[in-house]
Amino acid sequence: MAKSNSNSGARTAMTPSAAARIQGATARSTGGIVAKGSFAARAQSVAARNGAGKSGNGK
């Protein structure tokens, strides 16, 4: 199998804005429902943990 150009080994932290995009897309495709335990819900949880203790929003 040929090697692809994807960076599957590189990891980037989940950001709140990325989690919001994922959750929004899921909600749009499921009529506004984001199921508990879904990828979108887990992404939101990870983004919240990644942002915990960091103050970068100027507040």
N, C-alpha and C. Protein backbone atom coordinates (compact mmCIF):
# COMPACT_ATOMS: atom_id res chain seq x y z
N MET A 1 0.84 -1.17 0.00
CA MET A 1 0.00 0.00 0.00
C MET A 1 0.89 1.24 0.00
N ALA A 2 0.59 2.20 -0.83
CA ALA A 2 1.38 3.43 -0.92
C ALA A 2 1.13 4.31 0.30
N LYS A 3 2.19 4.99 0.70
CA LYS A 3 2.08 5.87 1.85
C LYS A 3 1.29 7.12 1.45
N SER A 4 0.33 7.49 2.30
CA SER A 4 -0.46 8.68 2.00
C SER A 4 0.22 9.92 2.55
N ASN A 5 -0.26 11.07 2.17
CA ASN A 5 0.30 12.33 2.63
C ASN A 5 -0.32 12.82 3.92
N SER A 6 -1.21 12.04 4.53
CA SER A 6 -1.86 12.48 5.76
C SER A 6 -0.89 12.45 6.92
N ASN A 7 -1.13 13.29 7.88
CA ASN A 7 -0.30 13.36 9.07
C ASN A 7 -0.96 12.58 10.20
N SER A 8 -1.21 11.31 9.97
CA SER A 8 -1.91 10.52 10.97
C SER A 8 -1.11 10.38 12.26
N GLY A 9 0.19 10.57 12.21
CA GLY A 9 1.02 10.48 13.40
C GLY A 9 1.06 11.79 14.17
N ALA A 10 0.79 12.89 13.51
CA ALA A 10 0.82 14.20 14.16
C ALA A 10 -0.48 14.41 14.93
N ARG A 11 -0.35 14.95 16.14
CA ARG A 11 -1.54 15.18 16.96
C ARG A 11 -1.64 16.66 17.28
N THR A 12 -2.82 17.19 17.12
CA THR A 12 -3.08 18.58 17.43
C THR A 12 -4.16 18.62 18.50
N ALA A 13 -4.00 19.48 19.48
CA ALA A 13 -4.97 19.58 20.56
C ALA A 13 -6.32 20.04 20.02
N MET A 14 -7.39 19.48 20.57
CA MET A 14 -8.74 19.88 20.20
C MET A 14 -9.01 21.27 20.77
N THR A 15 -9.40 22.19 19.92
CA THR A 15 -9.69 23.54 20.37
C THR A 15 -11.20 23.70 20.53
N PRO A 16 -11.61 24.65 21.36
CA PRO A 16 -13.05 24.89 21.50
C PRO A 16 -13.73 25.24 20.18
N SER A 17 -13.05 25.99 19.31
CA SER A 17 -13.68 26.34 18.04
C SER A 17 -13.82 25.12 17.13
N ALA A 18 -12.85 24.23 17.14
CA ALA A 18 -12.96 23.01 16.34
C ALA A 18 -14.09 22.13 16.88
N ALA A 19 -14.18 22.02 18.19
CA ALA A 19 -15.25 21.21 18.80
C ALA A 19 -16.61 21.81 18.48
N ALA A 20 -16.70 23.13 18.47
CA ALA A 20 -17.97 23.79 18.14
C ALA A 20 -18.38 23.51 16.70
N ARG A 21 -17.39 23.51 15.78
CA ARG A 21 -17.69 23.18 14.37
C ARG A 21 -18.20 21.75 14.25
N ILE A 22 -17.55 20.83 14.95
CA ILE A 22 -17.96 19.43 14.90
C ILE A 22 -19.37 19.27 15.47
N GLN A 23 -19.59 19.90 16.62
CA GLN A 23 -20.89 19.77 17.26
C GLN A 23 -21.99 20.42 16.41
N GLY A 24 -21.68 21.56 15.80
CA GLY A 24 -22.66 22.22 14.94
C GLY A 24 -23.02 21.39 13.73
N ALA A 25 -22.02 20.79 13.11
CA ALA A 25 -22.28 19.94 11.94
C ALA A 25 -23.11 18.72 12.32
N THR A 26 -22.81 18.15 13.48
CA THR A 26 -23.58 16.99 13.95
C THR A 26 -25.02 17.39 14.22
N ALA A 27 -25.20 18.52 14.89
CA ALA A 27 -26.55 18.98 15.21
C ALA A 27 -27.35 19.26 13.94
N ARG A 28 -26.71 19.88 12.95
CA ARG A 28 -27.41 20.16 11.69
C ARG A 28 -27.84 18.86 11.00
N SER A 29 -26.98 17.86 11.06
CA SER A 29 -27.29 16.62 10.33
C SER A 29 -28.25 15.70 11.08
N THR A 30 -28.46 15.96 12.37
CA THR A 30 -29.34 15.08 13.16
C THR A 30 -30.57 15.82 13.70
N GLY A 31 -30.89 16.96 13.13
CA GLY A 31 -32.08 17.69 13.55
C GLY A 31 -31.91 18.36 14.91
N GLY A 32 -30.71 18.75 15.26
CA GLY A 32 -30.48 19.48 16.50
C GLY A 32 -30.08 18.63 17.69
N ILE A 33 -29.96 17.33 17.48
CA ILE A 33 -29.63 16.44 18.60
C ILE A 33 -28.18 15.98 18.49
N VAL A 34 -27.45 16.15 19.60
CA VAL A 34 -26.09 15.62 19.69
C VAL A 34 -26.12 14.59 20.81
N ALA A 35 -25.98 13.34 20.45
CA ALA A 35 -26.12 12.25 21.41
C ALA A 35 -24.98 12.22 22.41
N LYS A 36 -25.33 11.86 23.62
CA LYS A 36 -24.34 11.68 24.67
C LYS A 36 -23.38 10.57 24.24
N GLY A 37 -22.08 10.82 24.38
CA GLY A 37 -21.09 9.83 24.01
C GLY A 37 -20.70 9.84 22.55
N SER A 38 -21.34 10.71 21.75
CA SER A 38 -21.00 10.78 20.33
C SER A 38 -19.64 11.43 20.15
N PHE A 39 -19.10 11.35 18.94
CA PHE A 39 -17.81 11.98 18.67
C PHE A 39 -17.87 13.47 18.97
N ALA A 40 -18.96 14.12 18.60
CA ALA A 40 -19.09 15.56 18.83
C ALA A 40 -19.09 15.86 20.33
N ALA A 41 -19.76 15.05 21.12
CA ALA A 41 -19.79 15.27 22.56
C ALA A 41 -18.42 15.04 23.18
N ARG A 42 -17.72 14.01 22.71
CA ARG A 42 -16.38 13.74 23.23
C ARG A 42 -15.41 14.85 22.83
N ALA A 43 -15.55 15.37 21.61
CA ALA A 43 -14.69 16.47 21.17
C ALA A 43 -14.90 17.70 22.04
N GLN A 44 -16.15 17.99 22.38
CA GLN A 44 -16.45 19.13 23.24
C GLN A 44 -15.84 18.95 24.61
N SER A 45 -15.90 17.74 25.13
CA SER A 45 -15.33 17.44 26.44
C SER A 45 -13.81 17.61 26.45
N VAL A 46 -13.17 17.09 25.42
CA VAL A 46 -11.71 17.20 25.32
C VAL A 46 -11.29 18.66 25.17
N ALA A 47 -12.03 19.41 24.37
CA ALA A 47 -11.71 20.83 24.18
C ALA A 47 -11.83 21.58 25.49
N ALA A 48 -12.83 21.25 26.29
CA ALA A 48 -13.00 21.90 27.59
C ALA A 48 -11.83 21.56 28.51
N ARG A 49 -11.39 20.31 28.48
CA ARG A 49 -10.26 19.91 29.31
C ARG A 49 -8.98 20.56 28.84
N ASN A 50 -8.79 20.67 27.52
CA ASN A 50 -7.60 21.29 26.97
C ASN A 50 -7.54 22.78 27.33
N GLY A 51 -8.69 23.41 27.42
CA GLY A 51 -8.74 24.83 27.73
C GLY A 51 -8.79 25.14 29.21
N ALA A 52 -8.93 24.12 30.06
CA ALA A 52 -9.03 24.34 31.50
C ALA A 52 -7.76 24.96 32.05
N GLY A 53 -7.91 26.04 32.78
CA GLY A 53 -6.76 26.69 33.40
C GLY A 53 -6.02 27.65 32.50
N LYS A 54 -6.46 27.76 31.26
CA LYS A 54 -5.81 28.68 30.32
C LYS A 54 -6.71 29.89 30.15
N SER A 55 -6.15 31.06 30.29
CA SER A 55 -6.95 32.27 30.07
C SER A 55 -6.37 33.02 28.88
N GLY A 56 -6.95 32.80 27.73
CA GLY A 56 -6.49 33.47 26.54
C GLY A 56 -7.56 34.31 25.91
N ASN A 57 -8.71 34.43 26.59
CA ASN A 57 -9.82 35.15 26.00
C ASN A 57 -9.92 36.59 26.48
N GLY A 58 -8.98 37.07 27.27
CA GLY A 58 -8.96 38.46 27.68
C GLY A 58 -9.91 38.81 28.79
N LYS A 59 -10.51 37.84 29.42
CA LYS A 59 -11.45 38.11 30.50
C LYS A 59 -10.79 37.96 31.85
